[in-house]
Amino acid sequence: MSVEQLADAVTRDGLSGDAAVKAVRNWLGGKGTPRCTRRDIEAMATAVGCLSREIATFTTQVRNHRGSPKKAILVADMIRGKSYEEASNMLAFSTKRAAVNFRKALMAAAADAEQLGADTSNVFVSEVTVDRGMHIKRFRPKDRGRAHPIVKRTSHITLSLQERN
């Protein structure tokens, strides 16, 4: 199915013609602008011929998490593939510092899913990625006028939820 056919399916007030084509291209590329509504997802699903829960993923990002990617990956591996309730409980009682930001991302994705009509009891963590962020550079004074660098690493957390079929 072409982008133009999908754009015809999602045409509504404020989103028609070239704007609809541009919006569908953005959505297929993973961008969230303009905001994809429940009606848009349902219209695309009927155009393709499937259920809306089969094509909808609810993704959130936490950028510049103040922790190294190596430590954040441990938390990501812990919740990958778990149901929403199970992952939320695991993060609530985890001693890892990164669990706080993972829980925030999980709650935001669940709120998006609930807003678009997904059953939150049937939602699971489909994808979790941790990427390197920027480095914060500091220096410690040492003897004889020297300075030793300190690199404080950050990471970007991306979390996606999907509804089980």
Protein backbone atom coordinates (compact mmCIF):
# COMPACT_ATOMS: atom_id res chain seq x y z
CA MET A 1 0.00 0.00 0.00
CA SER A 2 1.40 3.39 -0.94
CA VAL A 3 1.87 6.43 1.27
CA GLU A 4 -0.69 8.35 -0.78
CA GLN A 5 -3.36 5.69 -0.16
CA LEU A 6 -2.68 5.82 3.58
CA ALA A 7 -2.80 9.63 3.45
CA ASP A 8 -6.23 9.46 1.81
CA ALA A 9 -7.39 7.20 4.64
CA VAL A 10 -6.27 9.63 7.39
CA THR A 11 -7.57 12.82 5.78
CA ARG A 12 -9.39 14.96 8.37
CA ASP A 13 -9.74 18.59 9.44
CA GLY A 14 -6.33 20.23 9.46
CA LEU A 15 -4.69 17.22 7.83
CA SER A 16 -5.35 16.91 4.13
CA GLY A 17 -3.48 16.78 0.85
CA ASP A 18 0.29 17.27 1.11
CA ALA A 19 0.09 17.67 4.89
CA ALA A 20 -1.47 14.20 5.21
CA VAL A 21 1.21 12.65 2.97
CA LYS A 22 3.93 14.36 5.00
CA ALA A 23 2.33 13.20 8.27
CA VAL A 24 2.12 9.57 7.12
CA ARG A 25 5.76 9.65 6.00
CA ASN A 26 6.76 11.01 9.42
CA TRP A 27 4.75 8.32 11.22
CA LEU A 28 6.24 5.55 9.09
CA GLY A 29 9.71 6.97 9.79
CA GLY A 30 9.10 6.86 13.53
CA LYS A 31 8.58 10.58 14.13
CA GLY A 32 5.72 11.76 16.30
CA THR A 33 4.82 14.98 14.50
CA PRO A 34 2.07 15.81 13.87
CA ARG A 35 0.60 13.89 16.78
CA CYS A 36 -0.97 10.63 15.60
CA THR A 37 -4.47 10.29 17.06
CA ARG A 38 -6.49 7.20 17.78
CA ARG A 39 -8.70 7.98 14.80
CA ASP A 40 -5.63 8.14 12.52
CA ILE A 41 -4.37 4.75 13.69
CA GLU A 42 -7.81 3.18 13.23
CA ALA A 43 -8.14 4.70 9.74
CA MET A 44 -4.73 3.36 8.66
CA ALA A 45 -5.52 -0.06 10.15
CA THR A 46 -8.79 -0.34 8.22
CA ALA A 47 -7.03 0.82 5.04
CA VAL A 48 -4.40 -1.90 5.47
CA GLY A 49 -6.98 -4.45 6.59
CA CYS A 50 -5.85 -5.30 10.12
CA LEU A 51 -6.63 -4.37 13.71
CA SER A 52 -5.33 -1.09 15.11
CA ARG A 53 -3.46 -2.83 17.93
CA GLU A 54 -1.41 -4.78 15.38
CA ILE A 55 0.17 -1.64 13.91
CA ALA A 56 0.35 0.69 16.92
CA THR A 57 3.52 0.95 19.00
CA PHE A 58 3.80 3.45 21.81
CA THR A 59 7.34 4.82 22.05
CA THR A 60 8.92 7.28 24.47
CA GLN A 61 12.44 8.56 24.98
CA VAL A 62 14.45 9.80 27.92
CA ARG A 63 17.33 11.85 26.60
CA ASN A 64 20.56 12.60 28.48
CA HIS A 65 20.01 10.19 31.36
CA ARG A 66 22.83 10.87 33.82
CA GLY A 67 24.22 7.38 33.90
CA SER A 68 26.50 5.35 31.71
CA PRO A 69 24.97 3.25 28.92
CA LYS A 70 26.67 0.16 30.35
CA LYS A 71 24.72 0.45 33.60
CA ALA A 72 21.46 1.38 31.88
CA ILE A 73 21.66 -1.68 29.61
CA LEU A 74 21.44 -3.89 32.72
CA VAL A 75 18.03 -2.40 33.53
CA ALA A 76 16.93 -2.58 29.88
CA ASP A 77 17.70 -6.30 29.75
CA MET A 78 15.75 -6.79 32.98
CA ILE A 79 12.42 -5.47 31.58
CA ARG A 80 12.61 -6.38 27.89
CA GLY A 81 9.65 -8.57 26.88
CA LYS A 82 7.82 -8.23 30.21
CA SER A 83 4.21 -7.13 30.61
CA TYR A 84 3.54 -3.53 31.65
CA GLU A 85 2.55 -4.42 35.23
CA GLU A 86 5.48 -6.76 35.73
CA ALA A 87 8.00 -4.26 34.34
CA SER A 88 6.54 -1.45 36.46
CA ASN A 89 6.85 -3.55 39.62
CA MET A 90 10.40 -4.60 38.78
CA LEU A 91 11.45 -1.00 38.22
CA ALA A 92 9.71 0.24 41.36
CA PHE A 93 11.71 -2.13 43.56
CA SER A 94 15.00 -2.09 41.66
CA THR A 95 18.07 -0.67 43.38
CA LYS A 96 19.56 0.54 40.10
CA ARG A 97 19.68 4.31 39.61
CA ALA A 98 18.62 4.03 35.96
CA ALA A 99 15.36 2.35 37.01
CA VAL A 100 13.86 5.75 37.88
CA ASN A 101 14.15 7.06 34.32
CA PHE A 102 13.10 3.73 32.82
CA ARG A 103 9.96 3.83 34.98
CA LYS A 104 9.21 7.38 33.82
CA ALA A 105 9.51 6.27 30.19
CA LEU A 106 7.35 3.22 30.87
CA MET A 107 4.61 5.33 32.49
CA ALA A 108 4.69 7.84 29.61
CA ALA A 109 4.37 5.09 26.99
CA ALA A 110 1.53 3.48 28.98
CA ALA A 111 -0.27 6.83 29.17
CA ASP A 112 0.02 7.17 25.38
CA ALA A 113 -1.32 3.64 24.96
CA GLU A 114 -4.23 4.32 27.30
CA GLN A 115 -5.03 7.59 25.55
CA LEU A 116 -5.19 5.82 22.20
CA GLY A 117 -7.50 3.13 23.57
CA ALA A 118 -5.14 0.21 24.17
CA ASP A 119 -5.88 -2.23 26.98
CA THR A 120 -3.06 -1.59 29.48
CA SER A 121 -3.44 -5.04 31.03
CA ASN A 122 -2.56 -6.51 27.62
CA VAL A 123 0.46 -4.28 26.86
CA PHE A 124 4.07 -5.49 26.98
CA VAL A 125 7.53 -3.96 26.57
CA SER A 126 8.36 -4.75 22.96
CA GLU A 127 11.59 -2.82 22.50
CA VAL A 128 14.11 -1.17 24.82
CA THR A 129 17.27 0.45 23.51
CA VAL A 130 20.01 2.39 25.25
CA ASP A 131 22.26 4.63 23.18
CA ARG A 132 25.29 6.72 24.08
CA GLY A 133 24.58 10.33 24.93
CA MET A 134 26.89 13.28 25.24
CA HIS A 135 29.88 13.30 27.57
CA ILE A 136 30.16 15.84 30.35
CA LYS A 137 33.83 16.70 30.71
CA ARG A 138 35.41 17.80 33.99
CA PHE A 139 39.01 18.07 35.13
CA ARG A 140 40.73 17.31 38.45
CA PRO A 141 43.81 19.30 39.43
CA LYS A 142 46.92 17.17 39.89
CA ASP A 143 50.45 17.83 40.99
CA ARG A 144 52.80 20.18 39.14
CA GLY A 145 49.99 22.06 37.39
CA ARG A 146 48.58 19.09 35.54
CA ALA A 147 44.93 18.23 35.07
CA HIS A 148 43.35 14.82 34.68
CA PRO A 149 40.10 14.54 32.71
CA ILE A 150 36.91 13.06 34.15
CA VAL A 151 34.34 11.92 31.60
CA LYS A 152 30.78 11.70 32.90
CA ARG A 153 28.75 9.61 30.50
CA THR A 154 25.08 10.03 29.64
CA SER A 155 22.68 7.81 27.73
CA HIS A 156 19.47 7.99 25.72
CA ILE A 157 16.73 5.51 26.67
CA THR A 158 14.07 4.49 24.14
CA LEU A 159 11.18 2.30 25.27
CA SER A 160 8.31 0.90 23.17
CA LEU A 161 5.10 -0.79 24.23
CA GLN A 162 2.81 -2.93 22.08
CA GLU A 163 -0.49 -4.63 22.67
CA ARG A 164 -0.48 -8.43 22.59
CA ASN A 165 -2.49 -10.05 19.82
